[in-house]
Protein backbone atom coordinates (compact mmCIF):
# COMPACT_ATOMS: atom_id res chain seq x y z
CA UNK A 1 -22.35 6.67 -19.27
CA UNK A 2 -20.39 3.51 -19.18
CA UNK A 3 -18.00 3.59 -16.38
CA UNK A 4 -15.24 2.32 -18.35
CA UNK A 5 -15.33 5.54 -20.37
CA UNK A 6 -14.59 7.61 -17.21
CA UNK A 7 -11.36 9.33 -16.66
CA UNK A 8 -11.75 8.30 -12.86
CA UNK A 9 -12.02 4.54 -13.79
CA UNK A 10 -8.84 4.74 -15.90
CA UNK A 11 -6.93 6.43 -13.32
CA UNK A 12 -7.89 3.86 -10.66
CA UNK A 13 -7.26 1.11 -12.95
CA UNK A 14 -3.69 2.52 -14.08
CA UNK A 15 -2.90 3.20 -10.31
CA UNK A 16 -3.67 -0.27 -9.50
CA UNK A 17 -1.55 -1.71 -12.12
CA UNK A 18 1.14 0.55 -11.55
CA UNK A 19 1.08 -0.80 -7.86
CA UNK A 20 1.38 -4.18 -9.14
CA UNK A 21 4.50 -3.32 -11.25
CA UNK A 22 6.04 -1.57 -8.20
CA UNK A 23 5.44 -4.72 -5.72
CA UNK A 24 6.82 -6.80 -8.59
CA UNK A 25 10.00 -4.75 -9.01
CA UNK A 26 10.57 -4.53 -5.14
CA UNK A 27 9.78 -8.22 -4.74
CA UNK A 28 12.37 -9.08 -7.67
CA UNK A 29 15.08 -7.05 -5.85
CA UNK A 30 14.36 -9.39 -2.71
CA UNK A 31 13.17 -6.39 -0.50
CA UNK A 32 10.53 -6.89 1.96
CA UNK A 33 8.53 -3.61 1.52
CA UNK A 34 4.99 -2.98 0.17
CA UNK A 35 4.58 -0.36 -2.49
CA UNK A 36 2.99 1.90 0.25
CA UNK A 37 5.78 1.26 2.73
CA UNK A 38 8.45 1.98 -0.05
CA UNK A 39 6.70 5.22 -0.57
CA UNK A 40 7.07 6.12 3.13
CA UNK A 41 10.61 5.07 3.06
CA UNK A 42 11.36 7.26 -0.10
CA UNK A 43 9.71 10.25 1.85
CA UNK A 44 12.15 9.56 4.69
CA UNK A 45 14.99 9.02 2.56
CA UNK A 46 14.42 12.64 1.07
CA UNK A 47 13.92 14.14 4.63
CA UNK A 48 14.80 11.77 7.62
CA UNK A 49 12.85 12.49 10.77
CA UNK A 50 9.29 13.63 10.17
CA UNK A 51 6.44 13.76 12.28
CA UNK A 52 3.57 11.24 11.68
CA UNK A 53 1.67 14.30 11.00
CA UNK A 54 4.00 15.46 8.02
CA UNK A 55 4.01 12.04 6.64
CA UNK A 56 0.18 11.82 6.83
CA UNK A 57 -0.08 15.34 4.87
CA UNK A 58 2.35 14.00 2.19
CA UNK A 59 0.87 10.48 1.88
CA UNK A 60 -2.83 11.55 2.02
CA UNK A 61 -3.40 8.30 4.28
CA UNK A 62 -5.79 8.33 7.30
CA UNK A 63 -4.06 8.13 10.47
CA UNK A 64 -4.79 4.39 11.27
CA UNK A 65 -3.67 3.39 7.87
CA UNK A 66 -0.38 5.36 8.43
CA UNK A 67 0.19 4.07 11.86
CA UNK A 68 -0.03 0.51 10.65
CA UNK A 69 2.15 0.98 7.73
CA UNK A 70 4.88 2.75 10.29
CA UNK A 71 4.42 -0.23 12.65
CA UNK A 72 5.21 -2.54 9.76
CA UNK A 73 8.51 -0.56 9.05
CA UNK A 74 9.33 -0.46 12.77
CA UNK A 75 8.91 -4.29 12.89
CA UNK A 76 11.16 -4.66 9.89
CA UNK A 77 13.84 -2.58 11.76
CA UNK A 78 13.84 0.30 9.13
CA UNK A 79 12.38 3.16 11.23
CA UNK A 80 11.83 3.99 14.79
CA UNK A 81 9.53 6.20 16.66
CA UNK A 82 10.44 8.94 19.01
CA UNK A 83 8.35 11.25 21.35
CA UNK A 84 9.08 14.93 20.99
CA UNK A 85 11.04 16.44 23.90
CA UNK A 86 8.96 19.53 24.51
CA UNK A 87 5.62 17.91 23.58
CA UNK A 88 5.38 14.16 24.07
CA UNK A 89 2.24 13.97 22.13
CA UNK A 90 4.45 14.68 18.89
CA UNK A 91 5.82 11.56 17.41
CA UNK A 92 8.72 11.67 14.96
CA UNK A 93 9.61 8.71 12.55
CA UNK A 94 13.14 8.28 11.80
CA UNK A 95 15.39 6.10 9.58
CA UNK A 96 17.46 3.36 11.41
CA UNK A 97 20.75 2.48 10.15
CA UNK A 98 19.19 -0.61 8.28
CA UNK A 99 16.63 1.88 6.91
CA UNK A 100 19.32 4.21 5.60
CA UNK A 101 21.24 1.13 4.16
CA UNK A 102 18.11 -0.02 2.21
CA UNK A 103 18.08 2.88 -0.05
CA UNK A 104 21.04 1.57 -2.02
CA UNK A 105 19.46 -1.82 -2.64
CA UNK A 106 15.93 -0.08 -3.31
CA UNK A 107 17.67 1.97 -6.21
CA UNK A 108 18.16 -1.18 -7.94
CA UNK A 109 14.27 -1.86 -8.21
CA UNK A 110 14.15 0.79 -10.83
CA UNK A 111 10.84 2.01 -9.22
CA UNK A 112 12.01 5.67 -9.58
CA UNK A 113 12.18 5.08 -13.14
CA UNK A 114 8.50 3.98 -13.76
CA UNK A 115 7.66 7.06 -15.57
CA UNK A 116 10.37 6.86 -18.11
CA UNK A 117 9.77 3.11 -18.39
CA UNK A 118 5.82 3.51 -18.76
CA UNK A 119 5.22 6.96 -20.20
CA UNK A 120 6.02 7.43 -24.08
CA UNK A 121 5.02 11.27 -24.47
CA UNK A 122 6.63 14.58 -24.97
CA UNK A 123 7.72 16.62 -21.74
CA UNK A 124 5.00 19.27 -22.76
CA UNK A 125 2.27 16.52 -22.87
CA UNK A 126 3.72 15.32 -19.46
CA UNK A 127 3.08 18.47 -18.06
CA UNK A 128 -0.38 18.76 -19.04
CA UNK A 129 -1.08 15.25 -17.74
CA UNK A 130 0.54 16.10 -14.18
CA UNK A 131 -1.44 19.49 -14.09
CA UNK A 132 -4.78 17.53 -14.81
CA UNK A 133 -3.85 14.93 -12.30
CA UNK A 134 -2.79 17.52 -9.62
CA UNK A 135 -6.28 19.31 -10.17
CA UNK A 136 -8.21 16.32 -9.68
CA UNK A 137 -6.38 15.35 -6.60
CA UNK A 138 -6.84 18.94 -5.03
CA UNK A 139 -10.55 18.83 -5.87
CA UNK A 140 -10.92 15.56 -4.27
CA UNK A 141 -9.29 16.65 -1.34
CA UNK A 142 -11.48 19.80 -1.12
CA UNK A 143 -14.55 17.67 -1.17
CA UNK A 144 -13.12 15.23 1.42
CA UNK A 145 -12.55 18.31 3.81
CA UNK A 146 -15.98 19.88 3.14
């Protein structure tokens, strides 16, 4: 089988292209974030103050990659780390004032509109695609855990 006919090839290729579109939209808005950093910021905008473990489960990133991304956000002044009071091993990541204010500028990037801008199908078809992608992701996670 030609790999270019495989679903995994097309998922990877599409993901890479969408990352580039996301990066372009962020840069065009004058925001100094990578697409991966913006995903973490979006998670924190939805629920401020999360543990690194929570962010790792959500982002499906290994701890060294996640730590590097959080380091970048700390250096940019958008987040801060704090150790837990009861358990100093637990590290919390919280938005700074600058990080909270960035949300307004980020909304102008239209990154949250990528689905609407790129996908032209019925809501029923979209549900099917999301179900298939979710199944693929869950199967891949299971294989990585075993």
